[in-house]
Amino acid sequence: MKEVMRSNDPVRLSWAKAVLAGEGIEAIEFDRHASVLDGSILAIQRRLMVADDDFATAQAVLLEAEAELGPADAPEETP
């Protein structure tokens, strides 16, 4: 397995897992309990892992999905 993402943000990790699942790629979250035991200092980040064979595709899928979101501080478009 290879690491495709590392974060302490559970929303971002959940989003990434959903994006990958939509493409048929299984992602497994490592270090979830270790990061909880660590408390609030966030020293241990959670890792999102995929199978070696899915790694390149997973990276491409996540990069494309992040590009579609645009910058986090962009104003919302109104119709």
Protein backbone atom coordinates (compact mmCIF):
# COMPACT_ATOMS: atom_id res chain seq x y z
CA MET A 1 0.00 0.00 0.00
CA LYS A 2 1.08 3.56 -0.66
CA GLU A 3 0.19 6.85 1.00
CA VAL A 4 -1.89 9.09 -1.22
CA MET A 5 -2.73 11.75 1.40
CA ARG A 6 -1.82 12.80 4.94
CA SER A 7 -4.02 15.12 7.01
CA ASN A 8 -5.53 15.84 10.42
CA ASP A 9 -8.73 17.12 8.80
CA PRO A 10 -11.41 14.40 9.03
CA VAL A 11 -13.63 16.23 6.52
CA ARG A 12 -10.86 16.36 3.91
CA LEU A 13 -10.04 12.68 4.47
CA SER A 14 -13.70 11.70 4.17
CA TRP A 15 -14.01 13.75 0.97
CA ALA A 16 -10.92 12.09 -0.52
CA LYS A 17 -12.20 8.61 0.37
CA ALA A 18 -15.54 9.41 -1.29
CA VAL A 19 -13.86 10.76 -4.43
CA LEU A 20 -11.68 7.67 -4.69
CA ALA A 21 -14.60 5.33 -4.00
CA GLY A 22 -16.48 7.03 -6.83
CA GLU A 23 -13.68 5.89 -9.13
CA GLY A 24 -13.69 2.36 -7.72
CA ILE A 25 -10.51 2.85 -5.66
CA GLU A 26 -10.54 1.53 -2.10
CA ALA A 27 -8.79 3.84 0.37
CA ILE A 28 -7.94 2.87 3.93
CA GLU A 29 -7.29 5.37 6.71
CA PHE A 30 -4.18 4.59 8.78
CA ASP A 31 -3.26 6.09 12.16
CA ARG A 32 -6.81 7.20 12.93
CA HIS A 33 -6.73 5.98 16.52
CA ALA A 34 -3.14 7.09 17.09
CA SER A 35 -4.06 10.65 16.13
CA VAL A 36 -7.02 10.57 18.55
CA LEU A 37 -4.83 9.33 21.40
CA ASP A 38 -2.38 12.12 20.64
CA GLY A 39 -4.96 14.67 21.75
CA SER A 40 -5.13 18.19 20.45
CA ILE A 41 -1.50 18.76 19.47
CA LEU A 42 -2.03 17.01 16.12
CA ALA A 43 1.47 15.54 15.99
CA ILE A 44 0.33 12.34 14.28
CA GLN A 45 -1.47 12.85 11.01
CA ARG A 46 -3.85 10.31 9.56
CA ARG A 47 -2.71 8.66 6.34
CA LEU A 48 -4.93 7.65 3.45
CA MET A 49 -3.54 4.54 1.78
CA VAL A 50 -4.36 2.85 -1.52
CA ALA A 51 -3.17 -0.35 -3.18
CA ASP A 52 0.12 -0.05 -5.06
CA ASP A 53 -1.65 -0.72 -8.37
CA ASP A 54 -4.12 2.14 -7.74
CA PHE A 55 -1.57 4.71 -6.56
CA ALA A 56 -0.97 6.63 -9.81
CA THR A 57 -4.66 6.72 -10.67
CA ALA A 58 -5.59 7.80 -7.13
CA GLN A 59 -3.10 10.68 -7.25
CA ALA A 60 -4.46 11.85 -10.61
CA VAL A 61 -8.09 11.58 -9.46
CA LEU A 62 -7.43 13.59 -6.28
CA LEU A 63 -5.44 16.27 -8.13
CA GLU A 64 -8.25 16.70 -10.65
CA ALA A 65 -10.92 16.80 -7.93
CA GLU A 66 -8.95 19.40 -5.94
CA ALA A 67 -8.51 21.54 -9.07
CA GLU A 68 -12.28 21.47 -9.67
CA LEU A 69 -12.87 22.79 -6.15
CA GLY A 70 -10.71 25.86 -6.69
CA PRO A 71 -9.00 27.81 -3.91
CA ALA A 72 -10.46 27.48 -0.42
CA ASP A 73 -10.79 31.25 -0.06
CA ALA A 74 -12.55 31.86 -3.39
CA PRO A 75 -15.87 33.69 -3.11
CA GLU A 76 -18.99 31.68 -3.85
CA GLU A 77 -20.52 32.26 -7.26
CA THR A 78 -24.10 33.48 -7.31
CA PRO A 79 -26.44 32.83 -10.24
